Amino acid sequence: MKIKIKQGNIKEAKADAVVLFSYEDDSMPAKTMTEFNALSNNLIRKMIDAGDITGKTKEIQVIFLPDAQNTKRVMVVGLGKKNEADLEKIRGAFALAAQKARSMKLSSMATTPDMAGLDIPGELIAAAAVEGMKLGLYRFTAFKTEEPDNVNDIEELVIWSEEKKGTAKLKEAVAEAGHVADAVIFARNLVSMPSNEMTPKDMAREAIAIGTNHKNIEVKVLDEKQMKKLGMNALLGVTRGSREEAQFIIMDYQGTKGNEPPIVLIGKGLTFDSGGISIKPAENMEEMKTDMAGGAAVMGAIMAAARLNIPRRIIGLIPATENMPGGLAYKPGDVLKTLSGLTVEVISTDAEGRLILADALTYARRFKPAAVIDLATLTGACIVALGENVIGMMGTDQKLKDRLKHAAEITGEKLWELPLWEDYCEAIQSDIADLKNVGGRPAGAITAGAFLSKFAKDYPWVHLDIAGPSWLKQDRPYTPKGASGVGVRLLIQMLKNWSDN
């Protein structure tokens, strides 16, 4: 989809449809709506008076303009009550408008931030429009051999501004939003791929391709021999049952020439998780291809950071492997010596994510990082606690947690902090080793975080459990069911805020 910025009155737009907003308590929020009402021969007002346009959230009405010289349709999208309208609702509104346009086989759309009548900067509204439309139109069709009837997509979005001075800000915001949306789509594609097409080596190849296409990203991949030499026995223990060789992916984005400590992002990269010897139930096991969503989010965030020229050094670490029940697979009761030197008794081989993250968290120490954030589809217990649309957050540094909370408010990627009190560590004490990898059913998401905290030493650290929102069971406004790409926008917003102080 091509995105253009034009200066002038949107009535000059030559598009298949113009997108406007309405509110439950303000049906004509700006002069733009009044102008298009005149072009409709007062039909918009009549529909409002008749109750066909109510302004409620997710409502969308298409009005044909028989006498208009240029645009022939107006899409009026409801945002609910005006004082409750925010960027998240705007993203959703544009996603719904784009989906409606696609179903009508329209190819071009136009809008303007001037029509919102909100106390939100125009460039933020424009950015939300781009994110909402690009992400809302996403479909994964890599393995479809027959094209669906509504295969057409929107070819062009033109954003109009009457203020000449504001077009530069609009262009910058729109370009940035496009890069971020592309990174989310990249992550969605990786997560959507079947595990026979997205093995650990395939993940490594994707990372190498990102490095090849971005001069300021250096990519290094450790093989199993190199991991063995380092002492990454927790990661290697998990991979023993698989015939796919594990890969430890290191992505180093050099956004600054200074010697400041880097920010390290760690993503769990289980390209398929059968549960190992502690095998999962057959029902829904096909979704375990998504257990590398944390790794995909980190790769997408590194790519977006490079395209946005974020002035930080950012390092991505992705331990990538499968967890399979082969003849050499690690077993309940085994003891693994981690890269940190701590020993772990394996209670369940299906609690493998925390094992591979343990070695990655230890490896992160060598960079003397300013902060470390790990993302992982770690526990079903987090979904039980918070539902499917919320990220669970735990950590050791309040300032870092606050940075992520602020970024979440802007991006709409909801997160909620869970406690990480020392009491929870009692559940992971082993009788025969330093730790055990499962603390029992009570507070399962938190005891998993407590386990990780034992390896997150000497730096500020936050753990994000994305098990719920990484794979959606039903459509949301700008996130069709399936892979969501959650975490990419959150991380990029945090990094941008960090750089902007």
Protein backbone atom coordinates (compact mmCIF):
# COMPACT_ATOMS: atom_id res chain seq x y z
CA MET A 1 0.00 0.00 0.00
CA LYS A 2 1.42 3.35 -1.06
CA ILE A 3 1.00 6.15 1.47
CA LYS A 4 1.08 9.78 0.38
CA ILE A 5 0.83 13.10 2.18
CA LYS A 6 -0.88 16.02 0.43
CA GLN A 7 -1.48 19.58 1.49
CA GLY A 8 -4.94 20.98 0.85
CA ASN A 9 -8.62 20.35 1.49
CA ILE A 10 -9.61 16.70 1.47
CA LYS A 11 -12.58 17.57 -0.75
CA GLU A 12 -10.00 17.62 -3.56
CA ALA A 13 -9.18 13.97 -2.95
CA LYS A 14 -9.66 11.53 -5.79
CA ALA A 15 -10.22 8.30 -3.93
CA ASP A 16 -12.69 5.45 -3.80
CA ALA A 17 -13.57 6.43 -0.23
CA VAL A 18 -12.85 9.10 2.39
CA VAL A 19 -12.70 8.03 6.06
CA LEU A 20 -14.33 10.30 8.66
CA PHE A 21 -15.10 9.87 12.36
CA SER A 22 -18.25 10.34 14.38
CA TYR A 23 -18.85 10.18 18.12
CA GLU A 24 -21.80 9.19 20.26
CA ASP A 25 -21.90 12.68 21.74
CA ASP A 26 -20.62 14.67 18.74
CA SER A 27 -21.96 13.53 15.38
CA MET A 28 -20.32 16.40 13.43
CA PRO A 29 -16.94 16.74 15.17
CA ALA A 30 -15.24 18.99 12.62
CA LYS A 31 -15.95 21.12 9.58
CA THR A 32 -14.78 18.26 7.34
CA MET A 33 -17.87 16.26 8.26
CA THR A 34 -20.07 19.29 7.61
CA GLU A 35 -18.49 19.77 4.18
CA PHE A 36 -19.05 16.16 3.18
CA ASN A 37 -22.58 16.32 4.56
CA ALA A 38 -23.23 19.09 2.04
CA LEU A 39 -21.77 16.90 -0.73
CA SER A 40 -24.17 14.14 0.33
CA ASN A 41 -27.16 16.50 -0.01
CA ASN A 42 -27.60 16.39 3.78
CA LEU A 43 -27.83 12.57 3.75
CA ILE A 44 -25.21 12.17 6.52
CA ARG A 45 -27.22 14.43 8.82
CA LYS A 46 -30.43 12.58 7.96
CA MET A 47 -28.79 9.24 8.79
CA ILE A 48 -27.59 10.65 12.11
CA ASP A 49 -31.07 11.93 12.94
CA ALA A 50 -32.60 8.58 11.95
CA GLY A 51 -30.20 6.68 14.20
CA ASP A 52 -28.38 4.92 11.33
CA ILE A 53 -25.16 6.70 12.37
CA THR A 54 -24.75 6.61 16.15
CA GLY A 55 -20.99 7.06 16.56
CA LYS A 56 -20.65 3.89 18.61
CA THR A 57 -17.32 2.11 18.63
CA LYS A 58 -16.78 -0.19 15.62
CA GLU A 59 -19.83 1.14 13.78
CA ILE A 60 -19.15 1.87 10.11
CA GLN A 61 -21.48 3.32 7.50
CA VAL A 62 -20.76 3.94 3.81
CA ILE A 63 -22.49 6.89 2.15
CA PHE A 64 -22.48 7.35 -1.63
CA LEU A 65 -21.95 10.91 -2.88
CA PRO A 66 -23.82 11.21 -6.19
CA ASP A 67 -22.92 14.85 -6.84
CA ALA A 68 -19.26 14.82 -5.73
CA GLN A 69 -16.69 15.60 -8.40
CA ASN A 70 -13.92 13.45 -6.94
CA THR A 71 -14.54 11.03 -4.09
CA LYS A 72 -17.73 9.01 -4.49
CA ARG A 73 -17.99 7.52 -0.98
CA VAL A 74 -17.63 8.51 2.64
CA MET A 75 -17.00 5.95 5.37
CA VAL A 76 -18.20 7.22 8.73
CA VAL A 77 -16.55 5.23 11.52
CA GLY A 78 -17.69 5.44 15.13
CA LEU A 79 -15.21 6.07 17.95
CA GLY A 80 -17.61 5.99 20.91
CA LYS A 81 -17.67 8.88 23.35
CA LYS A 82 -15.44 11.74 22.31
CA ASN A 83 -13.66 12.12 25.65
CA GLU A 84 -12.77 8.43 25.57
CA ALA A 85 -11.35 8.40 22.05
CA ASP A 86 -7.65 7.57 21.92
CA LEU A 87 -4.98 6.28 19.55
CA GLU A 88 -5.93 2.65 20.15
CA LYS A 89 -9.52 3.27 19.06
CA ILE A 90 -8.27 5.27 16.07
CA ARG A 91 -6.06 2.35 14.97
CA GLY A 92 -9.03 0.03 15.26
CA ALA A 93 -11.29 2.41 13.33
CA PHE A 94 -8.91 2.65 10.39
CA ALA A 95 -8.44 -1.11 10.39
CA LEU A 96 -12.21 -1.61 10.15
CA ALA A 97 -12.46 1.00 7.39
CA ALA A 98 -9.70 -0.71 5.41
CA GLN A 99 -11.31 -4.13 5.83
CA LYS A 100 -14.65 -2.72 4.71
CA ALA A 101 -13.00 -1.13 1.67
CA ARG A 102 -11.33 -4.42 0.77
CA SER A 103 -14.63 -6.27 1.00
CA MET A 104 -16.09 -3.67 -1.40
CA LYS A 105 -13.08 -4.14 -3.72
CA LEU A 106 -12.05 -0.49 -3.39
CA SER A 107 -8.43 0.34 -4.15
CA SER A 108 -7.81 3.85 -2.80
CA MET A 109 -8.69 5.73 0.37
CA ALA A 110 -8.17 9.20 1.78
CA THR A 111 -8.41 10.75 5.22
CA THR A 112 -7.25 13.75 7.22
CA PRO A 113 -6.27 14.20 10.86
CA ASP A 114 -8.13 17.52 10.70
CA MET A 115 -11.45 15.65 10.84
CA ALA A 116 -10.95 14.10 14.25
CA GLY A 117 -11.83 17.13 16.40
CA LEU A 118 -9.56 15.68 19.11
CA ASP A 119 -6.80 17.17 21.22
CA ILE A 120 -4.30 14.72 19.71
CA PRO A 121 -1.47 15.89 17.42
CA GLY A 122 -2.25 15.28 13.76
CA GLU A 123 0.93 13.32 13.18
CA LEU A 124 -0.08 10.79 15.85
CA ILE A 125 -3.49 10.35 14.24
CA ALA A 126 -1.83 9.86 10.85
CA ALA A 127 0.58 7.29 12.31
CA ALA A 128 -2.33 5.45 13.93
CA ALA A 129 -4.13 5.42 10.58
CA VAL A 130 -1.15 3.79 8.87
CA GLU A 131 -0.60 1.22 11.63
CA GLY A 132 -4.29 0.37 11.80
CA MET A 133 -4.72 -0.07 8.07
CA LYS A 134 -1.52 -2.01 7.38
CA LEU A 135 -1.93 -4.31 10.36
CA GLY A 136 -5.68 -4.67 9.93
CA LEU A 137 -5.30 -5.80 6.33
CA TYR A 138 -2.75 -8.49 7.22
CA ARG A 139 -3.37 -12.04 6.00
CA PHE A 140 -1.02 -15.00 5.99
CA THR A 141 -1.43 -16.66 2.60
CA ALA A 142 2.00 -18.22 2.01
CA PHE A 143 0.53 -21.71 1.66
CA LYS A 144 -2.78 -20.89 -0.03
CA THR A 145 -2.98 -22.34 -3.53
CA GLU A 146 -6.38 -20.84 -4.28
CA GLU A 147 -6.91 -17.11 -3.92
CA PRO A 148 -9.94 -15.97 -1.88
CA ASP A 149 -12.63 -13.86 -3.53
CA ASN A 150 -11.60 -10.67 -1.71
CA VAL A 151 -7.91 -10.98 -2.53
CA ASN A 152 -7.64 -7.35 -3.63
CA ASP A 153 -5.91 -4.97 -1.24
CA ILE A 154 -5.91 -1.22 -0.79
CA GLU A 155 -3.33 0.19 -3.17
CA GLU A 156 -3.15 3.76 -1.87
CA LEU A 157 -3.86 5.84 1.22
CA VAL A 158 -3.60 9.63 0.91
CA ILE A 159 -3.49 11.71 4.09
CA TRP A 160 -4.53 15.33 3.58
CA SER A 161 -3.59 18.31 5.74
CA GLU A 162 -4.78 21.87 5.35
CA GLU A 163 -1.79 23.14 7.32
CA LYS A 164 1.23 23.50 5.09
CA LYS A 165 3.62 23.58 8.05
CA GLY A 166 2.34 20.27 9.35
CA THR A 167 3.10 18.12 6.31
CA ALA A 168 6.74 17.55 7.28
CA LYS A 169 5.72 16.10 10.65
CA LEU A 170 3.06 13.99 8.97
CA LYS A 171 5.57 12.55 6.50
CA GLU A 172 8.00 11.65 9.26
CA ALA A 173 5.32 10.07 11.46
CA VAL A 174 3.78 8.13 8.59
CA ALA A 175 7.15 6.79 7.40
CA GLU A 176 8.00 5.71 10.94
CA ALA A 177 4.63 4.02 11.43
CA GLY A 178 5.09 2.18 8.14
CA HIS A 179 8.46 0.78 9.25
CA VAL A 180 7.05 -0.35 12.60
CA ALA A 181 4.01 -1.98 10.95
CA ASP A 182 6.30 -3.78 8.50
CA ALA A 183 8.33 -5.13 11.42
CA VAL A 184 5.16 -6.40 13.11
CA ILE A 185 4.12 -8.08 9.86
CA PHE A 186 7.58 -9.66 9.60
CA ALA A 187 7.17 -11.10 13.10
CA ARG A 188 3.65 -12.32 12.32
CA ASN A 189 4.90 -14.11 9.23
CA LEU A 190 7.66 -15.88 11.16
CA VAL A 191 5.25 -17.03 13.86
CA SER A 192 2.65 -18.16 11.30
CA MET A 193 5.11 -20.38 9.42
CA PRO A 194 4.76 -24.12 10.08
CA SER A 195 7.63 -25.59 12.05
CA ASN A 196 8.87 -27.67 9.11
CA GLU A 197 9.44 -24.36 7.28
CA MET A 198 10.66 -22.40 10.32
CA THR A 199 13.34 -24.50 11.97
CA PRO A 200 16.08 -23.03 14.19
CA LYS A 201 18.35 -22.77 11.14
CA ASP A 202 15.55 -21.02 9.23
CA MET A 203 15.26 -18.49 12.06
CA ALA A 204 19.00 -17.96 11.88
CA ARG A 205 18.80 -17.42 8.12
CA GLU A 206 16.09 -14.81 8.63
CA ALA A 207 18.30 -13.00 11.12
CA ILE A 208 21.28 -13.15 8.78
CA ALA A 209 19.13 -11.72 5.99
CA ILE A 210 18.20 -8.78 8.23
CA GLY A 211 21.89 -8.17 8.87
CA THR A 212 22.65 -8.36 5.15
CA ASN A 213 19.96 -5.78 4.36
CA HIS A 214 20.93 -3.35 7.13
CA LYS A 215 24.52 -2.16 7.28
CA ASN A 216 24.37 -1.27 10.97
CA ILE A 217 23.25 -4.74 12.13
CA GLU A 218 25.86 -7.42 12.66
CA VAL A 219 24.60 -10.98 13.03
CA LYS A 220 26.48 -13.91 14.53
CA VAL A 221 25.11 -17.43 15.02
CA LEU A 222 26.60 -19.95 17.45
CA ASP A 223 26.24 -23.64 16.61
CA GLU A 224 26.00 -26.49 19.10
CA LYS A 225 29.76 -27.06 19.23
CA GLN A 226 30.32 -23.42 20.16
CA MET A 227 27.52 -23.55 22.73
CA LYS A 228 29.03 -26.69 24.24
CA LYS A 229 32.40 -25.00 24.53
CA LEU A 230 30.79 -22.06 26.34
CA GLY A 231 28.85 -24.33 28.69
CA MET A 232 25.26 -23.65 27.52
CA ASN A 233 24.12 -27.01 28.83
CA ALA A 234 20.57 -25.92 29.66
CA LEU A 235 19.91 -24.93 26.05
CA LEU A 236 21.69 -28.01 24.75
CA GLY A 237 19.72 -30.20 27.13
CA VAL A 238 16.45 -29.01 25.64
CA THR A 239 17.61 -29.58 22.07
CA ARG A 240 18.88 -33.15 22.59
CA GLY A 241 15.63 -34.82 21.50
CA SER A 242 15.48 -33.01 18.18
CA ARG A 243 17.27 -33.74 14.92
CA GLU A 244 17.21 -30.00 14.17
CA GLU A 245 20.40 -28.34 15.37
CA ALA A 246 19.97 -25.53 17.88
CA GLN A 247 21.15 -22.04 16.98
CA PHE A 248 22.06 -19.16 19.29
CA ILE A 249 21.39 -15.98 17.31
CA ILE A 250 23.13 -12.71 18.21
CA MET A 251 21.95 -9.53 16.47
CA ASP A 252 23.98 -6.40 17.24
CA TYR A 253 22.46 -3.11 16.10
CA GLN A 254 25.00 -0.29 16.31
CA GLY A 255 22.83 2.80 16.46
CA THR A 256 25.52 4.92 18.07
CA LYS A 257 29.27 5.24 17.86
CA GLY A 258 29.56 5.84 21.59
CA ASN A 259 30.60 3.30 24.22
CA GLU A 260 27.35 3.44 26.18
CA PRO A 261 26.06 0.15 27.60
CA PRO A 262 23.66 -1.62 25.22
CA ILE A 263 20.06 -2.58 25.74
CA VAL A 264 19.73 -6.35 25.36
CA LEU A 265 16.52 -7.95 24.11
CA ILE A 266 16.14 -11.71 24.53
CA GLY A 267 13.48 -13.72 22.70
CA LYS A 268 12.50 -17.33 23.30
CA GLY A 269 12.91 -19.22 20.02
CA LEU A 270 11.18 -22.60 20.39
CA THR A 271 10.29 -23.34 16.78
CA PHE A 272 8.23 -26.29 17.95
CA ASP A 273 7.44 -27.41 21.48
CA SER A 274 6.00 -30.91 21.83
CA GLY A 275 6.63 -30.81 25.57
CA GLY A 276 9.41 -33.37 25.18
CA ILE A 277 9.13 -36.46 27.36
CA SER A 278 6.49 -34.56 29.39
CA ILE A 279 4.51 -34.46 26.17
CA LYS A 280 1.63 -32.06 25.64
CA PRO A 281 -1.94 -33.15 24.85
CA ALA A 282 -2.61 -33.63 21.13
CA GLU A 283 -5.37 -31.02 21.08
CA ASN A 284 -4.07 -27.69 19.76
CA MET A 285 -0.49 -28.96 19.66
CA GLU A 286 -0.22 -27.53 16.13
CA GLU A 287 -0.16 -24.09 17.74
CA MET A 288 3.16 -24.92 19.40
CA LYS A 289 4.87 -23.69 16.23
CA THR A 290 4.22 -20.27 17.79
CA ASP A 291 6.55 -20.84 20.74
CA MET A 292 9.17 -18.72 19.01
CA ALA A 293 7.01 -15.56 19.08
CA GLY A 294 9.39 -13.90 21.54
CA GLY A 295 12.32 -14.48 19.20
CA ALA A 296 10.31 -13.20 16.23
CA ALA A 297 9.40 -10.04 18.17
CA VAL A 298 13.05 -9.37 19.01
CA MET A 299 14.06 -9.81 15.37
CA GLY A 300 11.30 -7.46 14.25
CA ALA A 301 12.25 -4.87 16.87
CA ILE A 302 15.93 -4.93 15.86
CA MET A 303 14.95 -4.49 12.21
CA ALA A 304 12.62 -1.59 13.01
CA ALA A 305 15.23 0.08 15.23
CA ALA A 306 17.68 0.06 12.33
CA ARG A 307 15.13 1.50 9.90
CA LEU A 308 14.19 4.23 12.37
CA ASN A 309 17.86 4.98 13.15
CA ILE A 310 17.25 4.79 16.90
CA PRO A 311 20.44 6.17 18.49
CA ARG A 312 21.19 3.25 20.80
CA ARG A 313 23.18 0.07 20.70
CA ILE A 314 20.63 -2.74 20.87
CA ILE A 315 21.54 -6.41 21.04
CA GLY A 316 19.11 -9.23 20.32
CA LEU A 317 19.74 -12.72 21.68
CA ILE A 318 17.57 -15.58 20.42
CA PRO A 319 18.14 -19.15 21.63
CA ALA A 320 16.43 -21.19 18.89
CA THR A 321 15.66 -24.89 19.19
CA GLU A 322 12.95 -27.54 19.13
CA ASN A 323 11.73 -29.52 22.14
CA MET A 324 11.09 -33.09 21.01
CA PRO A 325 10.74 -36.53 22.70
CA GLY A 326 13.56 -38.34 20.89
CA GLY A 327 15.68 -41.18 22.18
CA LEU A 328 18.34 -38.74 23.37
CA ALA A 329 15.83 -36.28 24.86
CA TYR A 330 16.42 -34.90 28.34
CA LYS A 331 14.18 -36.45 30.99
CA PRO A 332 12.39 -35.53 34.20
CA GLY A 333 14.89 -36.01 37.00
CA ASP A 334 17.90 -35.00 34.90
CA VAL A 335 20.23 -32.31 36.26
CA LEU A 336 21.60 -29.68 33.88
CA LYS A 337 24.51 -27.36 34.59
CA THR A 338 23.72 -23.94 33.12
CA LEU A 339 26.09 -21.40 31.61
CA SER A 340 25.98 -19.50 34.92
CA GLY A 341 27.25 -22.53 36.82
CA LEU A 342 23.96 -23.07 38.64
CA THR A 343 22.51 -26.56 38.41
CA VAL A 344 18.87 -27.25 37.61
CA GLU A 345 16.82 -30.36 38.35
CA VAL A 346 14.37 -31.03 35.52
CA ILE A 347 10.90 -31.63 36.91
CA SER A 348 9.09 -31.20 33.60
CA THR A 349 10.63 -31.19 30.15
CA ASP A 350 7.70 -28.98 29.10
CA ALA A 351 9.17 -26.14 31.17
CA GLU A 352 11.93 -25.78 28.61
CA GLY A 353 11.60 -22.09 27.77
CA ARG A 354 13.00 -20.96 31.09
CA LEU A 355 15.99 -23.28 30.57
CA ILE A 356 17.05 -21.83 27.24
CA LEU A 357 16.40 -18.30 28.54
CA ALA A 358 18.59 -19.02 31.58
CA ASP A 359 21.64 -19.48 29.36
CA ALA A 360 20.71 -16.44 27.26
CA LEU A 361 20.31 -14.25 30.37
CA THR A 362 23.73 -15.37 31.55
CA TYR A 363 25.25 -14.72 28.13
CA ALA A 364 23.84 -11.17 28.24
CA ARG A 365 26.14 -10.32 31.16
CA ARG A 366 29.18 -10.14 28.91
CA PHE A 367 27.78 -6.99 27.27
CA LYS A 368 27.51 -5.13 30.62
CA PRO A 369 24.05 -4.00 29.54
CA ALA A 370 22.10 -0.94 30.62
CA ALA A 371 19.00 -3.14 30.68
CA VAL A 372 17.82 -6.59 29.66
CA ILE A 373 14.27 -7.46 28.59
CA ASP A 374 13.22 -10.98 27.70
CA LEU A 375 10.03 -11.91 25.83
CA ALA A 376 8.68 -15.42 25.93
CA THR A 377 5.54 -17.45 25.38
CA LEU A 378 6.44 -18.91 28.74
CA THR A 379 3.43 -20.10 30.72
CA GLY A 380 -0.19 -21.06 30.29
CA ALA A 381 -0.53 -19.91 33.90
CA CYS A 382 -0.11 -16.32 32.73
CA ILE A 383 -3.13 -16.74 30.43
CA VAL A 384 -5.14 -18.14 33.34
CA ALA A 385 -4.15 -15.15 35.48
CA LEU A 386 -4.52 -12.29 32.97
CA GLY A 387 -6.45 -13.59 29.99
CA GLU A 388 -5.40 -13.85 26.36
CA ASN A 389 -4.87 -10.17 25.59
CA VAL A 390 -2.48 -9.08 28.34
CA ILE A 391 1.29 -9.41 28.74
CA GLY A 392 2.48 -10.45 32.18
CA MET A 393 5.43 -8.39 33.43
CA MET A 394 7.92 -9.09 36.20
CA GLY A 395 11.31 -7.61 36.88
CA THR A 396 13.97 -6.31 39.21
CA ASP A 397 14.12 -2.65 38.14
CA GLN A 398 11.23 -0.25 38.71
CA LYS A 399 12.45 2.37 36.25
CA LEU A 400 12.64 -0.20 33.46
CA LYS A 401 9.17 -1.48 34.31
CA ASP A 402 7.86 2.09 34.25
CA ARG A 403 9.38 2.63 30.79
CA LEU A 404 7.49 -0.40 29.50
CA LYS A 405 4.25 0.65 31.19
CA HIS A 406 4.46 4.05 29.50
CA ALA A 407 5.15 2.46 26.12
CA ALA A 408 2.18 0.12 26.62
CA GLU A 409 -0.14 3.08 27.21
CA ILE A 410 0.88 4.55 23.85
CA THR A 411 0.86 1.38 21.77
CA GLY A 412 -2.18 -0.30 23.27
CA GLU A 413 -0.22 -3.51 23.89
CA LYS A 414 -1.57 -4.16 27.36
CA LEU A 415 0.67 -5.40 30.13
CA TRP A 416 0.19 -5.96 33.83
CA GLU A 417 2.83 -6.27 36.52
CA LEU A 418 2.94 -9.40 38.63
CA PRO A 419 4.84 -9.47 41.96
CA LEU A 420 8.24 -11.09 42.19
CA TRP A 421 8.69 -11.37 45.93
CA GLU A 422 11.48 -13.48 47.36
CA ASP A 423 8.89 -15.84 48.86
CA TYR A 424 8.17 -17.22 45.39
CA CYS A 425 11.77 -18.45 45.08
CA GLU A 426 11.11 -21.05 47.76
CA ALA A 427 8.98 -22.97 45.25
CA ILE A 428 11.91 -23.51 42.88
CA GLN A 429 14.41 -24.82 45.42
CA SER A 430 15.57 -28.35 44.60
CA ASP A 431 16.59 -31.08 47.02
CA ILE A 432 19.40 -32.32 44.77
CA ALA A 433 20.40 -29.27 42.71
CA ASP A 434 20.50 -25.49 43.08
CA LEU A 435 17.11 -25.04 41.43
CA LYS A 436 14.27 -26.99 39.86
CA ASN A 437 12.59 -25.84 36.67
CA VAL A 438 8.98 -26.06 37.93
CA GLY A 439 7.58 -24.65 41.15
CA GLY A 440 4.18 -26.34 41.05
CA ARG A 441 0.74 -25.10 39.99
CA PRO A 442 0.30 -22.16 42.40
CA ALA A 443 1.52 -18.86 40.89
CA GLY A 444 3.01 -20.75 37.93
CA ALA A 445 3.75 -17.64 35.87
CA ILE A 446 5.44 -15.94 38.81
CA THR A 447 7.56 -18.89 39.87
CA ALA A 448 8.74 -19.12 36.25
CA GLY A 449 9.79 -15.49 36.51
CA ALA A 450 11.45 -16.23 39.86
CA PHE A 451 13.46 -18.98 38.16
CA LEU A 452 14.63 -16.54 35.46
CA SER A 453 15.57 -13.95 38.07
CA LYS A 454 18.28 -16.28 39.37
CA PHE A 455 20.12 -15.81 36.06
CA ALA A 456 19.35 -12.11 35.50
CA LYS A 457 22.17 -10.81 37.61
CA ASP A 458 24.25 -7.62 37.53
CA TYR A 459 21.82 -5.61 35.37
CA PRO A 460 18.28 -4.17 35.36
CA TRP A 461 15.92 -6.85 34.07
CA VAL A 462 12.29 -7.30 33.05
CA HIS A 463 10.55 -10.47 31.90
CA LEU A 464 7.51 -10.25 29.59
CA ASP A 465 5.31 -13.35 29.37
CA ILE A 466 3.51 -13.03 26.01
CA ALA A 467 1.86 -16.46 26.02
CA GLY A 468 -1.63 -14.97 25.82
CA PRO A 469 -1.50 -12.19 23.21
CA SER A 470 1.05 -13.80 20.85
CA TRP A 471 -1.60 -15.96 19.11
CA LEU A 472 -5.22 -14.80 18.97
CA LYS A 473 -8.21 -17.12 18.81
CA GLN A 474 -10.45 -14.46 17.25
CA ASP A 475 -10.09 -11.26 15.27
CA ARG A 476 -9.37 -7.98 16.97
CA PRO A 477 -9.70 -4.66 15.10
CA TYR A 478 -6.17 -4.44 13.67
CA THR A 479 -4.99 -7.92 14.62
CA PRO A 480 -6.64 -10.73 12.66
CA LYS A 481 -6.77 -14.08 14.48
CA GLY A 482 -3.49 -15.95 14.52
CA ALA A 483 -0.06 -14.44 15.02
CA SER A 484 -0.20 -10.93 16.48
CA GLY A 485 3.44 -9.81 16.39
CA VAL A 486 2.98 -8.61 19.97
CA GLY A 487 5.99 -6.97 21.57
CA VAL A 488 7.46 -5.31 18.47
CA ARG A 489 5.54 -2.05 18.83
CA LEU A 490 5.97 -2.08 22.61
CA LEU A 491 9.75 -2.45 22.41
CA ILE A 492 10.16 0.14 19.67
CA GLN A 493 8.06 2.69 21.56
CA MET A 494 10.13 2.10 24.69
CA LEU A 495 13.38 2.48 22.74
CA LYS A 496 12.15 5.68 21.09
CA ASN A 497 11.10 7.14 24.44
CA TRP A 498 14.44 6.12 25.95
CA SER A 499 16.35 7.92 23.21
CA ASP A 500 14.09 10.98 23.49
CA ASN A 501 14.61 10.96 27.27
